[in-house]
Amino acid sequence: MKVVKRKKDIAGAVSLGLVRLMFFSLVIVLLFLLGKIFIQGLDTISYEFLFSEPKNNMTEGGIWPAIFGTLAVTFIMVLFTVPLGVFSAIYLNEYARDTFFTRIIRTSINNLAGVPSIVFGLFGLGFFILFVGKNLDEVLQTGLLFGQPALIWASATLAVLVLPIVIVATLEALNSVPKSHREASYGLGATKWQTIKNVVLPQARPGILTGTILAVSRGAGETAPVLFLGAAFFLPSLPVADLCIGDYCLPIINPTQQFMYLAYHIFILATQSANPTKTLPLQYGSTLVLITLTFLLNITAIIFRYRFRKIIGKI
């Protein structure tokens, strides 16, 4: 018995040592990559680099159009994704019966979360541009306006990409609310919607916000879907149009224009630059900006989750 126990202890110690070795190896590689990007990119970061237009075929100047395009696509993506994803999850979890059809829907949502992003890009090209856009042009008789790559179709495709993640995160957050809380609300005479609005959603809000922000950060860093959907490498002008009311004009995002995008911009700089040595500082600077934006989104998710859990704990 002692020999068997000793062998188990040795096997457990070896397994724990291998797990620790793999973990610390991964951390060292991650720190090395982030450190190299930070050190190389920090020399490039400046006010001019962040807020000026690119020049000389993206070998000089800044990346403001790429930052603006990334933020614009992400903003419209959020408008598409969050209401549809959250309300779809509420319906599936709170209203829909557990039938064969709803189980198929749940399984399909989980499977869609693992589909490669390039597939969504091809879907966006075929459905949004060639089908929806061209038919809109024919109905509205606007010429070639919607039936071409544009900011709105890139945003819609990224929304479809992150929609399963938002639905799954919302479902898990809703399921984490104890059933006894719902039953107590029904016992006090509340309707189903009042129970969802006043009891379920406030408790599920931290998980919903966390999952949504993490999904948005993933969408902001995707490259493949925007390859076919309007991203341009060198486009100094911003995708904006003037909305004029009388003598007062306000610049707004023009969803029918092409745009620059940070992830696509980095991809082109790294793979198709005519002078890779000259553009290397731009690559590191652009990568550092993109990582910083993603990191800020993740930090925002952590802060929201912490604050809402703290508020719920006081109730």
Protein backbone atom coordinates (compact mmCIF):
# COMPACT_ATOMS: atom_id res chain seq x y z
CA MET A 1 0.00 0.00 0.00
CA LYS A 2 2.84 2.36 0.86
CA VAL A 3 4.51 1.65 -2.50
CA VAL A 4 1.27 2.38 -4.39
CA LYS A 5 0.70 5.57 -2.42
CA ARG A 6 4.29 6.67 -3.04
CA LYS A 7 3.90 6.09 -6.78
CA LYS A 8 0.69 8.14 -6.78
CA ASP A 9 2.44 10.95 -4.91
CA ILE A 10 5.31 10.92 -7.39
CA ALA A 11 2.92 10.92 -10.36
CA GLY A 12 0.95 13.79 -8.84
CA ALA A 13 4.12 15.80 -8.18
CA VAL A 14 5.36 15.21 -11.75
CA SER A 15 1.98 16.22 -13.22
CA LEU A 16 1.85 19.35 -11.07
CA GLY A 17 5.41 20.20 -12.11
CA LEU A 18 4.54 19.83 -15.81
CA VAL A 19 1.46 22.01 -15.41
CA ARG A 20 3.50 24.70 -13.67
CA LEU A 21 6.22 24.47 -16.33
CA MET A 22 3.70 24.93 -19.15
CA PHE A 23 2.01 27.80 -17.33
CA PHE A 24 5.21 29.72 -16.63
CA SER A 25 6.46 29.04 -20.17
CA LEU A 26 3.28 30.55 -21.59
CA VAL A 27 3.56 33.55 -19.26
CA ILE A 28 7.21 34.12 -20.24
CA VAL A 29 6.39 34.00 -23.97
CA LEU A 30 3.44 36.37 -23.48
CA LEU A 31 5.52 38.83 -21.44
CA PHE A 32 8.30 38.69 -24.03
CA LEU A 33 5.92 39.49 -26.90
CA LEU A 34 4.12 42.24 -25.02
CA GLY A 35 7.40 43.69 -23.80
CA LYS A 36 8.87 43.78 -27.30
CA ILE A 37 5.75 45.42 -28.72
CA PHE A 38 5.68 47.95 -25.88
CA ILE A 39 9.37 48.87 -26.11
CA GLN A 40 9.41 49.09 -29.92
CA GLY A 41 6.03 50.78 -30.22
CA LEU A 42 6.52 53.34 -27.47
CA ASP A 43 9.16 55.15 -29.51
CA THR A 44 6.65 55.61 -32.32
CA ILE A 45 3.72 56.82 -30.22
CA SER A 46 3.24 60.57 -30.35
CA TYR A 47 0.43 63.08 -30.73
CA GLU A 48 1.14 63.39 -34.45
CA PHE A 49 1.17 59.60 -34.88
CA LEU A 50 -2.19 59.18 -33.13
CA PHE A 51 -4.11 62.16 -34.52
CA SER A 52 -2.74 62.87 -38.01
CA GLU A 53 -3.47 61.41 -41.43
CA PRO A 54 -1.17 58.93 -43.18
CA LYS A 55 1.17 60.20 -45.89
CA ASN A 56 3.30 58.81 -48.71
CA ASN A 57 1.39 55.54 -49.03
CA MET A 58 1.40 54.93 -45.26
CA THR A 59 5.18 55.27 -44.83
CA GLU A 60 4.83 58.56 -42.94
CA GLY A 61 2.25 60.43 -40.90
CA GLY A 62 -0.18 58.93 -38.41
CA ILE A 63 -2.96 56.39 -38.01
CA TRP A 64 -5.92 58.55 -36.94
CA PRO A 65 -8.17 57.34 -39.82
CA ALA A 66 -7.46 53.73 -38.79
CA ILE A 67 -8.29 54.48 -35.15
CA PHE A 68 -11.45 56.35 -36.15
CA GLY A 69 -12.53 53.57 -38.52
CA THR A 70 -12.00 50.91 -35.84
CA LEU A 71 -14.02 52.88 -33.29
CA ALA A 72 -16.79 53.60 -35.84
CA VAL A 73 -17.10 49.95 -36.86
CA THR A 74 -17.09 48.86 -33.21
CA PHE A 75 -19.74 51.44 -32.27
CA ILE A 76 -22.14 50.36 -35.02
CA MET A 77 -21.40 46.70 -34.23
CA VAL A 78 -22.47 47.31 -30.62
CA LEU A 79 -25.72 48.93 -31.81
CA PHE A 80 -26.48 45.82 -33.86
CA THR A 81 -25.29 43.18 -31.39
CA VAL A 82 -26.23 44.15 -27.85
CA PRO A 83 -30.03 44.62 -28.17
CA LEU A 84 -30.47 41.60 -30.42
CA GLY A 85 -28.19 39.32 -28.38
CA VAL A 86 -29.54 40.27 -24.94
CA PHE A 87 -33.22 40.11 -25.89
CA SER A 88 -32.71 36.83 -27.78
CA ALA A 89 -31.12 35.31 -24.67
CA ILE A 90 -33.94 36.63 -22.46
CA TYR A 91 -36.51 35.04 -24.74
CA LEU A 92 -34.68 31.69 -24.88
CA ASN A 93 -34.13 31.54 -21.13
CA GLU A 94 -37.30 33.08 -19.73
CA TYR A 95 -40.08 32.63 -22.30
CA ALA A 96 -39.27 29.79 -24.71
CA ARG A 97 -40.27 26.28 -23.69
CA ASP A 98 -37.72 23.50 -23.56
CA THR A 99 -38.59 21.78 -26.84
CA PHE A 100 -36.61 19.99 -29.52
CA PHE A 101 -36.62 23.16 -31.63
CA THR A 102 -35.21 25.37 -28.86
CA ARG A 103 -32.52 22.78 -28.07
CA ILE A 104 -31.47 22.88 -31.73
CA ILE A 105 -31.28 26.68 -31.54
CA ARG A 106 -29.11 26.55 -28.40
CA THR A 107 -26.79 23.98 -29.98
CA SER A 108 -26.54 26.05 -33.15
CA ILE A 109 -25.63 29.18 -31.15
CA ASN A 110 -22.87 27.30 -29.32
CA ASN A 111 -21.53 25.95 -32.61
CA LEU A 112 -21.60 29.38 -34.28
CA ALA A 113 -19.34 30.72 -31.51
CA GLY A 114 -16.57 28.43 -32.81
CA VAL A 115 -16.89 29.13 -36.55
CA PRO A 116 -13.71 30.69 -38.06
CA SER A 117 -14.00 34.43 -38.66
CA ILE A 118 -13.10 34.13 -42.36
CA VAL A 119 -16.36 32.20 -42.87
CA PHE A 120 -18.31 35.14 -41.47
CA GLY A 121 -16.43 37.43 -43.83
CA LEU A 122 -17.51 35.38 -46.85
CA PHE A 123 -21.05 35.28 -45.47
CA GLY A 124 -21.08 39.09 -45.13
CA LEU A 125 -19.83 39.51 -48.69
CA GLY A 126 -22.47 37.20 -50.13
CA PHE A 127 -25.44 38.17 -47.98
CA PHE A 128 -25.04 41.82 -46.98
CA ILE A 129 -23.31 43.18 -50.10
CA LEU A 130 -24.37 40.97 -53.01
CA PHE A 131 -27.90 40.25 -51.77
CA VAL A 132 -29.13 42.94 -49.38
CA GLY A 133 -27.06 45.84 -50.72
CA LYS A 134 -27.72 45.25 -54.41
CA ASN A 135 -31.43 44.75 -53.84
CA LEU A 136 -31.54 47.99 -51.82
CA ASP A 137 -29.88 49.81 -54.70
CA GLU A 138 -32.44 48.44 -57.13
CA VAL A 139 -35.41 49.30 -54.90
CA LEU A 140 -34.18 52.78 -53.93
CA GLN A 141 -32.62 53.43 -57.38
CA THR A 142 -29.53 54.97 -55.78
CA GLY A 143 -26.97 53.53 -58.17
CA LEU A 144 -24.03 51.67 -56.61
CA LEU A 145 -24.40 52.84 -53.00
CA PHE A 146 -25.25 49.88 -50.77
CA GLY A 147 -24.15 47.09 -53.11
CA GLN A 148 -20.44 47.65 -52.44
CA PRO A 149 -18.06 47.18 -49.50
CA ALA A 150 -18.89 49.74 -46.82
CA LEU A 151 -18.61 50.46 -43.12
CA ILE A 152 -22.16 49.35 -42.33
CA TRP A 153 -21.67 45.90 -43.88
CA ALA A 154 -18.40 45.36 -42.00
CA SER A 155 -20.15 46.31 -38.76
CA ALA A 156 -23.09 44.02 -39.50
CA THR A 157 -20.78 41.09 -40.27
CA LEU A 158 -18.79 41.60 -37.07
CA ALA A 159 -22.10 41.81 -35.22
CA VAL A 160 -23.05 38.38 -36.58
CA LEU A 161 -19.59 37.13 -35.54
CA VAL A 162 -19.89 38.19 -31.89
CA LEU A 163 -23.65 37.66 -31.54
CA PRO A 164 -23.35 34.00 -30.39
CA ILE A 165 -20.82 35.07 -27.73
CA VAL A 166 -23.19 37.73 -26.39
CA ILE A 167 -26.12 35.29 -26.35
CA VAL A 168 -24.14 32.57 -24.55
CA ALA A 169 -22.77 35.03 -21.98
CA THR A 170 -26.26 36.43 -21.34
CA LEU A 171 -27.76 32.95 -21.00
CA GLU A 172 -25.14 32.00 -18.42
CA ALA A 173 -25.73 35.23 -16.51
CA LEU A 174 -29.50 34.67 -16.49
CA ASN A 175 -29.11 31.07 -15.38
CA SER A 176 -26.94 32.18 -12.46
CA VAL A 177 -29.94 33.97 -10.88
CA PRO A 178 -31.60 31.55 -8.40
CA LYS A 179 -35.09 30.36 -9.29
CA SER A 180 -36.22 31.13 -5.76
CA HIS A 181 -35.83 34.85 -6.49
CA ARG A 182 -38.19 34.54 -9.43
CA GLU A 183 -40.69 32.54 -7.38
CA ALA A 184 -40.57 35.13 -4.60
CA SER A 185 -41.33 37.87 -7.10
CA TYR A 186 -44.26 35.90 -8.54
CA GLY A 187 -45.51 35.30 -5.02
CA LEU A 188 -45.67 39.06 -4.43
CA GLY A 189 -47.89 39.45 -7.49
CA ALA A 190 -45.32 40.65 -10.05
CA THR A 191 -45.78 39.78 -13.71
CA LYS A 192 -43.18 37.88 -15.68
CA TRP A 193 -41.76 41.00 -17.32
CA GLN A 194 -41.67 42.86 -14.00
CA THR A 195 -39.78 39.94 -12.50
CA ILE A 196 -37.28 39.93 -15.36
CA LYS A 197 -36.81 43.69 -15.30
CA ASN A 198 -36.63 44.24 -11.53
CA VAL A 199 -35.22 40.96 -10.21
CA VAL A 200 -33.42 38.94 -12.88
CA LEU A 201 -31.69 41.57 -15.01
CA PRO A 202 -30.16 43.58 -12.11
CA GLN A 203 -28.50 40.41 -10.79
CA ALA A 204 -27.45 39.21 -14.24
CA ARG A 205 -26.15 42.61 -15.35
CA PRO A 206 -22.48 42.03 -14.32
CA GLY A 207 -22.25 38.84 -16.37
CA ILE A 208 -24.09 40.39 -19.33
CA LEU A 209 -21.83 43.45 -19.39
CA THR A 210 -18.67 41.39 -18.97
CA GLY A 211 -19.57 39.00 -21.78
CA THR A 212 -20.68 41.82 -24.06
CA ILE A 213 -17.53 43.89 -23.60
CA LEU A 214 -15.28 40.87 -24.10
CA ALA A 215 -17.21 39.99 -27.27
CA VAL A 216 -16.82 43.56 -28.51
CA SER A 217 -13.08 43.49 -27.81
CA ARG A 218 -12.82 40.29 -29.86
CA GLY A 219 -14.73 41.85 -32.74
CA ALA A 220 -12.53 44.97 -32.69
CA GLY A 221 -9.43 42.83 -33.13
CA GLU A 222 -10.69 40.68 -36.02
CA THR A 223 -9.08 41.05 -39.44
CA ALA A 224 -10.54 38.38 -41.70
CA PRO A 225 -14.17 39.60 -41.81
CA VAL A 226 -13.24 43.13 -42.89
CA LEU A 227 -10.94 41.98 -45.71
CA PHE A 228 -13.88 41.82 -48.14
CA LEU A 229 -16.14 44.40 -46.54
CA GLY A 230 -14.68 47.84 -47.06
CA ALA A 231 -11.38 48.10 -45.22
CA ALA A 232 -8.78 50.13 -47.15
CA PHE A 233 -5.04 50.28 -46.52
CA PHE A 234 -4.44 53.92 -47.46
CA LEU A 235 -7.45 56.22 -47.06
CA PRO A 236 -6.52 59.55 -45.42
CA SER A 237 -10.10 60.88 -45.38
CA LEU A 238 -12.49 59.88 -42.61
CA PRO A 239 -15.79 58.07 -43.36
CA VAL A 240 -17.93 61.03 -42.31
CA ALA A 241 -20.62 63.20 -43.88
CA ASP A 242 -22.08 66.56 -42.85
CA LEU A 243 -25.61 66.56 -41.48
CA CYS A 244 -26.82 70.13 -42.01
CA ILE A 245 -29.83 71.71 -40.30
CA GLY A 246 -30.11 75.26 -41.56
CA ASP A 247 -26.70 76.90 -41.28
CA TYR A 248 -25.46 74.42 -38.66
CA CYS A 249 -23.64 71.30 -39.90
CA LEU A 250 -22.63 68.32 -37.75
CA PRO A 251 -20.18 65.66 -38.99
CA ILE A 252 -21.56 62.13 -38.54
CA ILE A 253 -20.37 58.68 -39.50
CA ASN A 254 -21.19 57.82 -43.11
CA PRO A 255 -21.97 54.08 -43.10
CA THR A 256 -21.80 53.75 -46.90
CA GLN A 257 -18.11 54.70 -47.23
CA GLN A 258 -14.96 52.62 -47.04
CA PHE A 259 -12.71 53.01 -44.02
CA MET A 260 -9.32 52.23 -42.51
CA TYR A 261 -9.13 49.56 -39.80
CA LEU A 262 -6.30 48.99 -37.33
CA ALA A 263 -6.15 45.19 -37.57
CA TYR A 264 -6.23 45.25 -41.38
CA HIS A 265 -3.73 48.11 -41.42
CA ILE A 266 -1.26 46.07 -39.34
CA PHE A 267 -1.80 43.03 -41.55
CA ILE A 268 -0.99 44.95 -44.73
CA LEU A 269 2.05 46.65 -43.18
CA ALA A 270 3.44 43.27 -42.10
CA THR A 271 2.75 41.31 -45.30
CA GLN A 272 2.59 43.64 -48.32
CA SER A 273 4.75 46.64 -47.52
CA ALA A 274 7.19 47.67 -50.25
CA ASN A 275 9.76 48.70 -47.62
CA PRO A 276 9.30 46.53 -44.48
CA THR A 277 12.28 48.06 -42.69
CA LYS A 278 10.92 51.58 -43.02
CA THR A 279 7.41 50.62 -41.92
CA LEU A 280 8.53 48.44 -38.99
CA PRO A 281 8.11 51.26 -36.41
CA LEU A 282 4.61 51.90 -37.78
CA GLN A 283 3.79 48.22 -37.31
CA TYR A 284 4.86 48.22 -33.68
CA GLY A 285 3.13 51.54 -32.97
CA SER A 286 -0.15 50.43 -34.58
CA THR A 287 -0.01 47.07 -32.77
CA LEU A 288 0.55 48.80 -29.44
CA VAL A 289 -2.47 51.05 -30.05
CA LEU A 290 -4.69 48.08 -30.94
CA ILE A 291 -3.53 46.07 -27.91
CA THR A 292 -4.11 49.10 -25.70
CA LEU A 293 -7.68 49.53 -26.97
CA THR A 294 -8.40 45.83 -26.41
CA PHE A 295 -6.82 45.97 -22.97
CA LEU A 296 -8.93 49.00 -22.03
CA LEU A 297 -12.09 47.15 -23.09
CA ASN A 298 -11.12 44.16 -20.94
CA ILE A 299 -10.32 46.39 -17.96
CA THR A 300 -13.70 48.09 -18.43
CA ALA A 301 -15.41 44.69 -18.27
CA ILE A 302 -13.59 43.84 -15.02
CA ILE A 303 -14.48 47.20 -13.45
CA PHE A 304 -18.15 46.92 -14.42
CA ARG A 305 -18.35 43.39 -13.06
CA TYR A 306 -16.71 44.38 -9.77
CA ARG A 307 -18.85 47.49 -9.25
CA PHE A 308 -22.15 45.77 -10.03
CA ARG A 309 -21.32 42.79 -7.83
CA LYS A 310 -20.49 45.21 -5.03
CA ILE A 311 -23.80 47.02 -5.51
CA ILE A 312 -25.77 43.76 -5.59
CA GLY A 313 -23.98 42.59 -2.45
CA LYS A 314 -25.24 45.65 -0.57
CA ILE A 315 -28.85 45.08 -1.59
